Amino acid sequence: MAQERIEVPLTGKVISVSVKAGDSVKEGDTLCILESMKMENPVMTPVSGTVTEIAVTEGQVVKTGDLIATIEY
């Protein structure tokens, strides 16, 4: 199976995580919400598949390029 690594698009704080390892996701589903510059930015999955890893937690401060999740498809 192929894997897609979803990385943080902009520095901010994770305010919610919508999925966990083992969840099935469809392209366009929200993985998490990042707060950056007082705006909420949803991070969506670019592929349909199964979440194999979640690398962030609520309240965590992340920077561009950090891993959010890995999805097998």
C-alpha atoms as a PDB file:
ATOM      1  CA  MET A   1       0.000   0.000   0.000  1.00  0.00           C
ATOM      2  CA  ALA A   2       1.043   3.579  -0.578  1.00  0.00           C
ATOM      3  CA  GLN A   3       1.356   6.094   2.223  1.00  0.00           C
ATOM      4  CA  GLU A   4       0.597   9.809   2.309  1.00  0.00           C
ATOM      5  CA  ARG A   5       2.317  11.940   4.953  1.00  0.00           C
ATOM      6  CA  ILE A   6       0.302  15.019   5.883  1.00  0.00           C
ATOM      7  CA  GLU A   7       2.489  17.826   7.184  1.00  0.00           C
ATOM      8  CA  VAL A   8       1.704  21.054   9.024  1.00  0.00           C
ATOM      9  CA  PRO A   9       1.092  23.799   6.422  1.00  0.00           C
ATOM     10  CA  LEU A  10       1.725  26.740   8.802  1.00  0.00           C
ATOM     11  CA  THR A  11       3.058  27.308  12.296  1.00  0.00           C
ATOM     12  CA  GLY A  12       0.372  27.357  14.964  1.00  0.00           C
ATOM     13  CA  LYS A  13      -1.371  25.470  17.745  1.00  0.00           C
ATOM     14  CA  VAL A  14      -3.456  22.312  17.313  1.00  0.00           C
ATOM     15  CA  ILE A  15      -6.868  23.111  18.814  1.00  0.00           C
ATOM     16  CA  SER A  16      -8.636  19.879  17.873  1.00  0.00           C
ATOM     17  CA  VAL A  17      -7.858  16.483  16.350  1.00  0.00           C
ATOM     18  CA  SER A  18     -10.752  14.847  14.480  1.00  0.00           C
ATOM     19  CA  VAL A  19      -9.337  11.384  13.756  1.00  0.00           C
ATOM     20  CA  LYS A  20      -7.341   8.626  15.436  1.00  0.00           C
ATOM     21  CA  ALA A  21      -5.173   5.775  14.188  1.00  0.00           C
ATOM     22  CA  GLY A  22      -7.308   3.112  12.502  1.00  0.00           C
ATOM     23  CA  ASP A  23      -9.995   5.540  11.304  1.00  0.00           C
ATOM     24  CA  SER A  24     -11.078   5.479   7.672  1.00  0.00           C
ATOM     25  CA  VAL A  25     -11.050   8.884   6.001  1.00  0.00           C
ATOM     26  CA  LYS A  26     -12.272  10.231   2.691  1.00  0.00           C
ATOM     27  CA  GLU A  27     -10.502  12.874   0.612  1.00  0.00           C
ATOM     28  CA  GLY A  28     -11.449  16.266   2.051  1.00  0.00           C
ATOM     29  CA  ASP A  29     -12.169  15.049   5.615  1.00  0.00           C
ATOM     30  CA  THR A  30     -10.786  17.287   8.375  1.00  0.00           C
ATOM     31  CA  LEU A  31      -7.829  15.779  10.239  1.00  0.00           C
ATOM     32  CA  CYS A  32      -7.298  18.610  12.700  1.00  0.00           C
ATOM     33  CA  ILE A  33      -7.801  22.330  13.241  1.00  0.00           C
ATOM     34  CA  LEU A  34      -4.787  24.628  13.589  1.00  0.00           C
ATOM     35  CA  GLU A  35      -4.995  28.065  15.153  1.00  0.00           C
ATOM     36  CA  SER A  36      -2.595  30.508  13.567  1.00  0.00           C
ATOM     37  CA  MET A  37      -2.721  34.298  13.789  1.00  0.00           C
ATOM     38  CA  LYS A  38      -6.061  34.022  15.652  1.00  0.00           C
ATOM     39  CA  MET A  39      -7.639  32.160  12.725  1.00  0.00           C
ATOM     40  CA  GLU A  40      -8.795  28.542  12.678  1.00  0.00           C
ATOM     41  CA  ASN A  41      -7.392  26.587   9.745  1.00  0.00           C
ATOM     42  CA  PRO A  42      -8.718  23.096   9.012  1.00  0.00           C
ATOM     43  CA  VAL A  43      -6.158  20.579   7.740  1.00  0.00           C
ATOM     44  CA  MET A  44      -7.864  18.159   5.360  1.00  0.00           C
ATOM     45  CA  THR A  45      -6.811  14.787   4.038  1.00  0.00           C
ATOM     46  CA  PRO A  46      -5.691  14.804   0.389  1.00  0.00           C
ATOM     47  CA  VAL A  47      -6.485  11.094  -0.083  1.00  0.00           C
ATOM     48  CA  SER A  48      -9.036   8.476   0.995  1.00  0.00           C
ATOM     49  CA  GLY A  49      -7.630   5.661   3.121  1.00  0.00           C
ATOM     50  CA  THR A  50      -6.872   4.525   6.661  1.00  0.00           C
ATOM     51  CA  VAL A  51      -5.095   6.664   9.243  1.00  0.00           C
ATOM     52  CA  THR A  52      -2.046   4.686  10.421  1.00  0.00           C
ATOM     53  CA  GLU A  53      -0.481   7.365  12.619  1.00  0.00           C
ATOM     54  CA  ILE A  54      -1.484  10.626  14.296  1.00  0.00           C
ATOM     55  CA  ALA A  55       1.559  12.641  15.343  1.00  0.00           C
ATOM     56  CA  VAL A  56      -0.139  15.660  16.981  1.00  0.00           C
ATOM     57  CA  THR A  57      -2.254  16.220  20.088  1.00  0.00           C
ATOM     58  CA  GLU A  58      -4.645  18.975  21.138  1.00  0.00           C
ATOM     59  CA  GLY A  59      -2.797  21.954  22.563  1.00  0.00           C
ATOM     60  CA  GLN A  60       0.475  21.094  20.823  1.00  0.00           C
ATOM     61  CA  VAL A  61       2.397  23.925  19.148  1.00  0.00           C
ATOM     62  CA  VAL A  62       3.577  22.836  15.698  1.00  0.00           C
ATOM     63  CA  LYS A  63       5.690  24.340  12.954  1.00  0.00           C
ATOM     64  CA  THR A  64       5.595  24.109   9.186  1.00  0.00           C
ATOM     65  CA  GLY A  65       6.717  20.679   8.003  1.00  0.00           C
ATOM     66  CA  ASP A  66       5.924  18.781  11.228  1.00  0.00           C
ATOM     67  CA  LEU A  67       4.081  15.506  10.656  1.00  0.00           C
ATOM     68  CA  ILE A  68       0.347  15.540  11.393  1.00  0.00           C
ATOM     69  CA  ALA A  69      -0.677  12.094  10.191  1.00  0.00           C
ATOM     70  CA  THR A  70       0.136   9.193   7.905  1.00  0.00           C
ATOM     71  CA  ILE A  71      -2.605   7.680   5.737  1.00  0.00           C
ATOM     72  CA  GLU A  72      -2.393   4.359   3.872  1.00  0.00           C
ATOM     73  CA  TYR A  73      -4.355   4.108   0.656  1.00  0.00           C
END
